[in-house]
Amino acid sequence: MASCEGMAELVCVDFTCKGRECTRENCSHLHPRKVSDMKKESVIAIGVHFLEKRIGWFNEWHFLKFMDKLPDNFTQLMGGKDGHRSKKD
């Protein structure tokens, strides 16, 4: 994965998407076990990257409880195994 500007740490973005978990054997990026293991700045940088590139989403199961700490426009990035909610709305 290409790095996002503003990343305080290199996190494998694929871990955030249900059904797209990283399977690369030698992936050099971090693979946090839970969102709270990540720096807030990294989560924001990933969300901004998703919005700008119109790719990716945050797994609602893992990220919803952190939404109060994230920008309001990230709500549109919440989703599940089939993608973000706004695709279905």
PDB file of N, CA and C in Angstrom:
ATOM      1  N   MET A   1       0.838  -1.177   0.000  1.00  0.00           N
ATOM      2  CA  MET A   1       0.000   0.000   0.000  1.00  0.00           C
ATOM      3  C   MET A   1       0.869   1.220   0.000  1.00  0.00           C
ATOM      4  N   ALA A   2       0.524   2.191  -0.738  1.00  0.00           N
ATOM      5  CA  ALA A   2       1.258   3.449  -0.742  1.00  0.00           C
ATOM      6  C   ALA A   2       0.973   4.181   0.563  1.00  0.00           C
ATOM      7  N   SER A   3       1.968   4.865   1.068  1.00  0.00           N
ATOM      8  CA  SER A   3       1.753   5.546   2.342  1.00  0.00           C
ATOM      9  C   SER A   3       0.894   6.791   2.153  1.00  0.00           C
ATOM     10  N   CYS A   4       0.156   7.123   3.187  1.00  0.00           N
ATOM     11  CA  CYS A   4      -0.699   8.309   3.180  1.00  0.00           C
ATOM     12  C   CYS A   4       0.082   9.456   3.804  1.00  0.00           C
ATOM     13  N   GLU A   5      -0.104  10.651   3.282  1.00  0.00           N
ATOM     14  CA  GLU A   5       0.544  11.799   3.895  1.00  0.00           C
ATOM     15  C   GLU A   5      -0.001  11.989   5.300  1.00  0.00           C
ATOM     16  N   GLY A   6       0.865  12.346   6.217  1.00  0.00           N
ATOM     17  CA  GLY A   6       0.444  12.594   7.585  1.00  0.00           C
ATOM     18  C   GLY A   6       0.465  11.369   8.471  1.00  0.00           C
ATOM     19  N   MET A   7       0.885  10.241   7.917  1.00  0.00           N
ATOM     20  CA  MET A   7       0.921   9.023   8.723  1.00  0.00           C
ATOM     21  C   MET A   7       2.029   9.131   9.758  1.00  0.00           C
ATOM     22  N   ALA A   8       1.671   8.932  11.012  1.00  0.00           N
ATOM     23  CA  ALA A   8       2.655   8.938  12.082  1.00  0.00           C
ATOM     24  C   ALA A   8       3.338   7.580  12.182  1.00  0.00           C
ATOM     25  N   GLU A   9       2.738   6.586  11.553  1.00  0.00           N
ATOM     26  CA  GLU A   9       3.256   5.229  11.545  1.00  0.00           C
ATOM     27  C   GLU A   9       2.763   4.567  10.256  1.00  0.00           C
ATOM     28  N   LEU A  10       3.463   3.585   9.762  1.00  0.00           N
ATOM     29  CA  LEU A  10       3.036   2.904   8.544  1.00  0.00           C
ATOM     30  C   LEU A  10       2.131   1.735   8.925  1.00  0.00           C
ATOM     31  N   VAL A  11       0.856   1.887   8.632  1.00  0.00           N
ATOM     32  CA  VAL A  11      -0.148   0.889   8.985  1.00  0.00           C
ATOM     33  C   VAL A  11      -0.691   0.274   7.701  1.00  0.00           C
ATOM     34  N   CYS A  12      -0.844  -1.027   7.686  1.00  0.00           N
ATOM     35  CA  CYS A  12      -1.413  -1.717   6.535  1.00  0.00           C
ATOM     36  C   CYS A  12      -2.909  -1.412   6.504  1.00  0.00           C
ATOM     37  N   VAL A  13      -3.342  -0.676   5.489  1.00  0.00           N
ATOM     38  CA  VAL A  13      -4.729  -0.234   5.408  1.00  0.00           C
ATOM     39  C   VAL A  13      -5.684  -1.408   5.197  1.00  0.00           C
ATOM     40  N   ASP A  14      -5.228  -2.471   4.558  1.00  0.00           N
ATOM     41  CA  ASP A  14      -6.121  -3.591   4.279  1.00  0.00           C
ATOM     42  C   ASP A  14      -6.739  -4.195   5.536  1.00  0.00           C
ATOM     43  N   PHE A  15      -6.107  -4.034   6.686  1.00  0.00           N
ATOM     44  CA  PHE A  15      -6.675  -4.624   7.889  1.00  0.00           C
ATOM     45  C   PHE A  15      -7.999  -3.975   8.254  1.00  0.00           C
ATOM     46  N   THR A  16      -8.275  -2.781   7.761  1.00  0.00           N
ATOM     47  CA  THR A  16      -9.496  -2.072   8.133  1.00  0.00           C
ATOM     48  C   THR A  16     -10.730  -2.565   7.403  1.00  0.00           C
ATOM     49  N   CYS A  17     -10.565  -3.303   6.347  1.00  0.00           N
ATOM     50  CA  CYS A  17     -11.693  -3.690   5.498  1.00  0.00           C
ATOM     51  C   CYS A  17     -11.997  -5.177   5.634  1.00  0.00           C
ATOM     52  N   LYS A  18     -13.152  -5.489   6.180  1.00  0.00           N
ATOM     53  CA  LYS A  18     -13.583  -6.882   6.332  1.00  0.00           C
ATOM     54  C   LYS A  18     -13.567  -7.561   4.970  1.00  0.00           C
ATOM     55  N   GLY A  19     -12.928  -8.706   4.907  1.00  0.00           N
ATOM     56  CA  GLY A  19     -12.832  -9.428   3.657  1.00  0.00           C
ATOM     57  C   GLY A  19     -11.630  -9.036   2.813  1.00  0.00           C
ATOM     58  N   ARG A  20     -10.902  -8.019   3.259  1.00  0.00           N
ATOM     59  CA  ARG A  20      -9.707  -7.578   2.523  1.00  0.00           C
ATOM     60  C   ARG A  20      -8.481  -7.605   3.424  1.00  0.00           C
ATOM     61  N   GLU A  21      -8.499  -8.434   4.465  1.00  0.00           N
ATOM     62  CA  GLU A  21      -7.393  -8.473   5.401  1.00  0.00           C
ATOM     63  C   GLU A  21      -6.088  -8.795   4.672  1.00  0.00           C
ATOM     64  N   CYS A  22      -5.009  -8.244   5.151  1.00  0.00           N
ATOM     65  CA  CYS A  22      -3.702  -8.424   4.531  1.00  0.00           C
ATOM     66  C   CYS A  22      -3.268  -9.885   4.630  1.00  0.00           C
ATOM     67  N   THR A  23      -2.834 -10.419   3.522  1.00  0.00           N
ATOM     68  CA  THR A  23      -2.339 -11.798   3.497  1.00  0.00           C
ATOM     69  C   THR A  23      -0.889 -11.853   3.015  1.00  0.00           C
ATOM     70  N   ARG A  24      -0.278 -10.682   2.875  1.00  0.00           N
ATOM     71  CA  ARG A  24       1.118 -10.648   2.421  1.00  0.00           C
ATOM     72  C   ARG A  24       2.026 -11.177   3.525  1.00  0.00           C
ATOM     73  N   GLU A  25       2.825 -12.151   3.181  1.00  0.00           N
ATOM     74  CA  GLU A  25       3.672 -12.811   4.158  1.00  0.00           C
ATOM     75  C   GLU A  25       4.724 -11.882   4.752  1.00  0.00           C
ATOM     76  N   ASN A  26       5.283 -11.004   3.943  1.00  0.00           N
ATOM     77  CA  ASN A  26       6.371 -10.144   4.400  1.00  0.00           C
ATOM     78  C   ASN A  26       5.975  -8.674   4.422  1.00  0.00           C
ATOM     79  N   CYS A  27       4.739  -8.391   4.739  1.00  0.00           N
ATOM     80  CA  CYS A  27       4.285  -7.004   4.783  1.00  0.00           C
ATOM     81  C   CYS A  27       5.032  -6.266   5.892  1.00  0.00           C
ATOM     82  N   SER A  28       5.642  -5.151   5.531  1.00  0.00           N
ATOM     83  CA  SER A  28       6.464  -4.404   6.489  1.00  0.00           C
ATOM     84  C   SER A  28       5.663  -3.371   7.274  1.00  0.00           C
ATOM     85  N   HIS A  29       4.374  -3.217   6.971  1.00  0.00           N
ATOM     86  CA  HIS A  29       3.533  -2.256   7.680  1.00  0.00           C
ATOM     87  C   HIS A  29       2.995  -2.855   8.976  1.00  0.00           C
ATOM     88  N   LEU A  30       2.595  -1.990   9.899  1.00  0.00           N
ATOM     89  CA  LEU A  30       2.010  -2.435  11.163  1.00  0.00           C
ATOM     90  C   LEU A  30       0.640  -3.054  10.922  1.00  0.00           C
ATOM     91  N   HIS A  31       0.281  -4.040  11.714  1.00  0.00           N
ATOM     92  CA  HIS A  31      -1.025  -4.694  11.646  1.00  0.00           C
ATOM     93  C   HIS A  31      -1.630  -4.679  13.045  1.00  0.00           C
ATOM     94  N   PRO A  32      -2.150  -3.522  13.456  1.00  0.00           N
ATOM     95  CA  PRO A  32      -2.702  -3.413  14.813  1.00  0.00           C
ATOM     96  C   PRO A  32      -3.844  -4.403  15.019  1.00  0.00           C
ATOM     97  N   ARG A  33      -3.973  -4.904  16.234  1.00  0.00           N
ATOM     98  CA  ARG A  33      -5.039  -5.850  16.545  1.00  0.00           C
ATOM     99  C   ARG A  33      -6.356  -5.136  16.788  1.00  0.00           C
ATOM    100  N   LYS A  34      -6.293  -3.855  17.156  1.00  0.00           N
ATOM    101  CA  LYS A  34      -7.511  -3.075  17.374  1.00  0.00           C
ATOM    102  C   LYS A  34      -7.218  -1.605  17.094  1.00  0.00           C
ATOM    103  N   VAL A  35      -8.275  -0.866  16.831  1.00  0.00           N
ATOM    104  CA  VAL A  35      -8.131   0.545  16.461  1.00  0.00           C
ATOM    105  C   VAL A  35      -7.436   1.334  17.564  1.00  0.00           C
ATOM    106  N   SER A  36      -7.724   1.009  18.794  1.00  0.00           N
ATOM    107  CA  SER A  36      -7.124   1.759  19.902  1.00  0.00           C
ATOM    108  C   SER A  36      -5.606   1.580  19.975  1.00  0.00           C
ATOM    109  N   ASP A  37      -5.059   0.622  19.245  1.00  0.00           N
ATOM    110  CA  ASP A  37      -3.601   0.446  19.184  1.00  0.00           C
ATOM    111  C   ASP A  37      -2.951   1.407  18.199  1.00  0.00           C
ATOM    112  N   MET A  38      -3.775   2.126  17.436  1.00  0.00           N
ATOM    113  CA  MET A  38      -3.264   3.051  16.432  1.00  0.00           C
ATOM    114  C   MET A  38      -3.252   4.475  16.963  1.00  0.00           C
ATOM    115  N   LYS A  39      -2.380   5.288  16.413  1.00  0.00           N
ATOM    116  CA  LYS A  39      -2.376   6.709  16.734  1.00  0.00           C
ATOM    117  C   LYS A  39      -3.550   7.361  16.015  1.00  0.00           C
ATOM    118  N   LYS A  40      -4.192   8.308  16.679  1.00  0.00           N
ATOM    119  CA  LYS A  40      -5.338   9.008  16.098  1.00  0.00           C
ATOM    120  C   LYS A  40      -4.958   9.649  14.769  1.00  0.00           C
ATOM    121  N   GLU A  41      -3.767  10.220  14.686  1.00  0.00           N
ATOM    122  CA  GLU A  41      -3.309  10.872  13.466  1.00  0.00           C
ATOM    123  C   GLU A  41      -3.250   9.883  12.302  1.00  0.00           C
ATOM    124  N   SER A  42      -2.890   8.635  12.580  1.00  0.00           N
ATOM    125  CA  SER A  42      -2.822   7.621  11.528  1.00  0.00           C
ATOM    126  C   SER A  42      -4.216   7.276  11.021  1.00  0.00           C
ATOM    127  N   VAL A  43      -5.169   7.126  11.926  1.00  0.00           N
ATOM    128  CA  VAL A  43      -6.545   6.818  11.528  1.00  0.00           C
ATOM    129  C   VAL A  43      -7.100   7.956  10.676  1.00  0.00           C
ATOM    130  N   ILE A  44      -6.836   9.190  11.081  1.00  0.00           N
ATOM    131  CA  ILE A  44      -7.306  10.347  10.320  1.00  0.00           C
ATOM    132  C   ILE A  44      -6.648  10.386   8.940  1.00  0.00           C
ATOM    133  N   ALA A  45      -5.344  10.121   8.874  1.00  0.00           N
ATOM    134  CA  ALA A  45      -4.646  10.120   7.582  1.00  0.00           C
ATOM    135  C   ALA A  45      -5.212   9.044   6.655  1.00  0.00           C
ATOM    136  N   ILE A  46      -5.529   7.886   7.197  1.00  0.00           N
ATOM    137  CA  ILE A  46      -6.118   6.818   6.385  1.00  0.00           C
ATOM    138  C   ILE A  46      -7.498   7.243   5.895  1.00  0.00           C
ATOM    139  N   GLY A  47      -8.314   7.813   6.776  1.00  0.00           N
ATOM    140  CA  GLY A  47      -9.649   8.266   6.392  1.00  0.00           C
ATOM    141  C   GLY A  47      -9.602   9.337   5.316  1.00  0.00           C
ATOM    142  N   VAL A  48      -8.704  10.278   5.458  1.00  0.00           N
ATOM    143  CA  VAL A  48      -8.552  11.338   4.458  1.00  0.00           C
ATOM    144  C   VAL A  48      -8.146  10.721   3.119  1.00  0.00           C
ATOM    145  N   HIS A  49      -7.229   9.778   3.155  1.00  0.00           N
ATOM    146  CA  HIS A  49      -6.793   9.084   1.938  1.00  0.00           C
ATOM    147  C   HIS A  49      -7.977   8.363   1.282  1.00  0.00           C
ATOM    148  N   PHE A  50      -8.768   7.653   2.073  1.00  0.00           N
ATOM    149  CA  PHE A  50      -9.949   6.965   1.544  1.00  0.00           C
ATOM    150  C   PHE A  50     -10.907   7.945   0.885  1.00  0.00           C
ATOM    151  N   LEU A  51     -11.144   9.086   1.536  1.00  0.00           N
ATOM    152  CA  LEU A  51     -12.072  10.083   0.983  1.00  0.00           C
ATOM    153  C   LEU A  51     -11.533  10.710  -0.296  1.00  0.00           C
ATOM    154  N   GLU A  52     -10.255  11.081  -0.284  1.00  0.00           N
ATOM    155  CA  GLU A  52      -9.669  11.738  -1.450  1.00  0.00           C
ATOM    156  C   GLU A  52      -9.609  10.812  -2.660  1.00  0.00           C
ATOM    157  N   LYS A  53      -9.246   9.564  -2.436  1.00  0.00           N
ATOM    158  CA  LYS A  53      -9.084   8.610  -3.537  1.00  0.00           C
ATOM    159  C   LYS A  53     -10.378   7.856  -3.841  1.00  0.00           C
ATOM    160  N   ARG A  54     -11.386   8.056  -2.992  1.00  0.00           N
ATOM    161  CA  ARG A  54     -12.674   7.367  -3.141  1.00  0.00           C
ATOM    162  C   ARG A  54     -12.500   5.848  -3.141  1.00  0.00           C
ATOM    163  N   ILE A  55     -11.627   5.409  -2.215  1.00  0.00           N
ATOM    164  CA  ILE A  55     -11.369   3.974  -2.044  1.00  0.00           C
ATOM    165  C   ILE A  55     -11.425   3.650  -0.558  1.00  0.00           C
ATOM    166  N   GLY A  56     -11.706   2.427  -0.247  1.00  0.00           N
ATOM    167  CA  GLY A  56     -11.622   1.953   1.126  1.00  0.00           C
ATOM    168  C   GLY A  56     -12.734   2.431   2.030  1.00  0.00           C
ATOM    169  N   TRP A  57     -12.812   1.816   3.173  1.00  0.00           N
ATOM    170  CA  TRP A  57     -13.804   2.154   4.192  1.00  0.00           C
ATOM    171  C   TRP A  57     -13.326   1.611   5.521  1.00  0.00           C
ATOM    172  N   PHE A  58     -13.941   2.075   6.579  1.00  0.00           N
ATOM    173  CA  PHE A  58     -13.646   1.599   7.929  1.00  0.00           C
ATOM    174  C   PHE A  58     -14.685   0.568   8.315  1.00  0.00           C
ATOM    175  N   ASN A  59     -14.240  -0.547   8.847  1.00  0.00           N
ATOM    176  CA  ASN A  59     -15.156  -1.572   9.312  1.00  0.00           C
ATOM    177  C   ASN A  59     -15.923  -1.022  10.513  1.00  0.00           C
ATOM    178  N   GLU A  60     -17.224  -0.928  10.360  1.00  0.00           N
ATOM    179  CA  GLU A  60     -18.077  -0.330  11.383  1.00  0.00           C
ATOM    180  C   GLU A  60     -17.917  -1.029  12.737  1.00  0.00           C
ATOM    181  N   TRP A  61     -17.781  -2.323  12.715  1.00  0.00           N
ATOM    182  CA  TRP A  61     -17.647  -3.096  13.961  1.00  0.00           C
ATOM    183  C   TRP A  61     -16.477  -2.577  14.798  1.00  0.00           C
ATOM    184  N   HIS A  62     -15.373  -2.242  14.146  1.00  0.00           N
ATOM    185  CA  HIS A  62     -14.171  -1.818  14.853  1.00  0.00           C
ATOM    186  C   HIS A  62     -14.084  -0.313  15.072  1.00  0.00           C
ATOM    187  N   PHE A  63     -14.609   0.470  14.162  1.00  0.00           N
ATOM    188  CA  PHE A  63     -14.367   1.911  14.182  1.00  0.00           C
ATOM    189  C   PHE A  63     -15.507   2.746  14.755  1.00  0.00           C
ATOM    190  N   LEU A  64     -16.724   2.232  14.794  1.00  0.00           N
ATOM    191  CA  LEU A  64     -17.866   3.048  15.194  1.00  0.00           C
ATOM    192  C   LEU A  64     -17.697   3.657  16.587  1.00  0.00           C
ATOM    193  N   LYS A  65     -17.160   2.921  17.518  1.00  0.00           N
ATOM    194  CA  LYS A  65     -17.009   3.442  18.881  1.00  0.00           C
ATOM    195  C   LYS A  65     -15.954   4.555  18.969  1.00  0.00           C
ATOM    196  N   PHE A  66     -15.187   4.761  17.901  1.00  0.00           N
ATOM    197  CA  PHE A  66     -14.167   5.815  17.881  1.00  0.00           C
ATOM    198  C   PHE A  66     -14.602   7.034  17.074  1.00  0.00           C
ATOM    199  N   MET A  67     -15.814   6.980  16.502  1.00  0.00           N
ATOM    200  CA  MET A  67     -16.272   8.066  15.631  1.00  0.00           C
ATOM    201  C   MET A  67     -16.333   9.415  16.338  1.00  0.00           C
ATOM    202  N   ASP A  68     -16.600   9.438  17.637  1.00  0.00           N
ATOM    203  CA  ASP A  68     -16.659  10.717  18.341  1.00  0.00           C
ATOM    204  C   ASP A  68     -15.299  11.399  18.398  1.00  0.00           C
ATOM    205  N   LYS A  69     -14.229  10.662  18.124  1.00  0.00           N
ATOM    206  CA  LYS A  69     -12.871  11.214  18.134  1.00  0.00           C
ATOM    207  C   LYS A  69     -12.382  11.565  16.733  1.00  0.00           C
ATOM    208  N   LEU A  70     -13.206  11.264  15.716  1.00  0.00           N
ATOM    209  CA  LEU A  70     -12.804  11.462  14.325  1.00  0.00           C
ATOM    210  C   LEU A  70     -13.656  12.536  13.668  1.00  0.00           C
ATOM    211  N   PRO A  71     -13.195  13.096  12.555  1.00  0.00           N
ATOM    212  CA  PRO A  71     -13.973  14.123  11.858  1.00  0.00           C
ATOM    213  C   PRO A  71     -15.365  13.613  11.462  1.00  0.00           C
ATOM    214  N   ASP A  72     -16.351  14.508  11.486  1.00  0.00           N
ATOM    215  CA  ASP A  72     -17.738  14.144  11.183  1.00  0.00           C
ATOM    216  C   ASP A  72     -17.906  13.506   9.803  1.00  0.00           C
ATOM    217  N   ASN A  73     -17.140  13.956   8.823  1.00  0.00           N
ATOM    218  CA  ASN A  73     -17.314  13.422   7.470  1.00  0.00           C
ATOM    219  C   ASN A  73     -16.843  11.975   7.331  1.00  0.00           C
ATOM    220  N   PHE A  74     -16.220  11.414   8.355  1.00  0.00           N
ATOM    221  CA  PHE A  74     -15.792  10.020   8.305  1.00  0.00           C
ATOM    222  C   PHE A  74     -16.963   9.057   8.467  1.00  0.00           C
ATOM    223  N   THR A  75     -18.118   9.555   8.873  1.00  0.00           N
ATOM    224  CA  THR A  75     -19.295   8.709   9.019  1.00  0.00           C
ATOM    225  C   THR A  75     -19.592   7.991   7.709  1.00  0.00           C
ATOM    226  N   GLN A  76     -19.380   8.656   6.592  1.00  0.00           N
ATOM    227  CA  GLN A  76     -19.642   8.054   5.281  1.00  0.00           C
ATOM    228  C   GLN A  76     -18.688   6.914   4.954  1.00  0.00           C
ATOM    229  N   LEU A  77     -17.621   6.767   5.723  1.00  0.00           N
ATOM    230  CA  LEU A  77     -16.662   5.692   5.492  1.00  0.00           C
ATOM    231  C   LEU A  77     -17.007   4.409   6.241  1.00  0.00           C
ATOM    232  N   MET A  78     -18.027   4.449   7.085  1.00  0.00           N
ATOM    233  CA  MET A  78     -18.393   3.266   7.853  1.00  0.00           C
ATOM    234  C   MET A  78     -19.050   2.234   6.955  1.00  0.00           C
ATOM    235  N   GLY A  79     -18.705   0.971   7.154  1.00  0.00           N
ATOM    236  CA  GLY A  79     -19.306  -0.087   6.361  1.00  0.00           C
ATOM    237  C   GLY A  79     -18.929  -1.456   6.870  1.00  0.00           C
ATOM    238  N   GLY A  80     -19.240  -2.444   6.075  1.00  0.00           N
ATOM    239  CA  GLY A  80     -18.960  -3.827   6.427  1.00  0.00           C
ATOM    240  C   GLY A  80     -18.296  -4.544   5.286  1.00  0.00           C
ATOM    241  N   LYS A  81     -18.554  -5.827   5.180  1.00  0.00           N
ATOM    242  CA  LYS A  81     -17.857  -6.644   4.186  1.00  0.00           C
ATOM    243  C   LYS A  81     -18.203  -6.274   2.750  1.00  0.00           C
ATOM    244  N   ASP A  82     -19.342  -5.615   2.542  1.00  0.00           N
ATOM    245  CA  ASP A  82     -19.750  -5.240   1.200  1.00  0.00           C
ATOM    246  C   ASP A  82     -19.383  -3.808   0.821  1.00  0.00           C
ATOM    247  N   GLY A  83     -18.665  -3.129   1.669  1.00  0.00           N
ATOM    248  CA  GLY A  83     -18.260  -1.759   1.355  1.00  0.00           C
ATOM    249  C   GLY A  83     -18.861  -0.762   2.324  1.00  0.00           C
ATOM    250  N   HIS A  84     -18.713   0.503   1.990  1.00  0.00           N
ATOM    251  CA  HIS A  84     -19.209   1.543   2.893  1.00  0.00           C
ATOM    252  C   HIS A  84     -20.707   1.742   2.695  1.00  0.00           C
ATOM    253  N   ARG A  85     -21.322   2.235   3.744  1.00  0.00           N
ATOM    254  CA  ARG A  85     -22.790   2.406   3.795  1.00  0.00           C
ATOM    255  C   ARG A  85     -23.321   3.247   2.670  1.00  0.00           C
ATOM    256  N   SER A  86     -22.616   4.296   2.287  1.00  0.00           N
ATOM    257  CA  SER A  86     -23.147   5.233   1.306  1.00  0.00           C
ATOM    258  C   SER A  86     -23.390   4.544  -0.049  1.00  0.00           C
ATOM    259  N   LYS A  87     -22.749   3.427  -0.313  1.00  0.00           N
ATOM    260  CA  LYS A  87     -22.992   2.693  -1.557  1.00  0.00           C
ATOM    261  C   LYS A  87     -24.399   2.107  -1.567  1.00  0.00           C
ATOM    262  N   LYS A  88     -24.924   1.792  -0.382  1.00  0.00           N
ATOM    263  CA  LYS A  88     -26.236   1.160  -0.274  1.00  0.00           C
ATOM    264  C   LYS A  88     -27.349   2.176  -0.095  1.00  0.00           C
ATOM    265  N   ASP A  89     -27.003   3.384   0.365  1.00  0.00           N
ATOM    266  CA  ASP A  89     -28.017   4.424   0.649  1.00  0.00           C
ATOM    267  C   ASP A  89     -28.538   5.051  -0.613  1.00  0.00           C
TER     268      ASP A  89
END
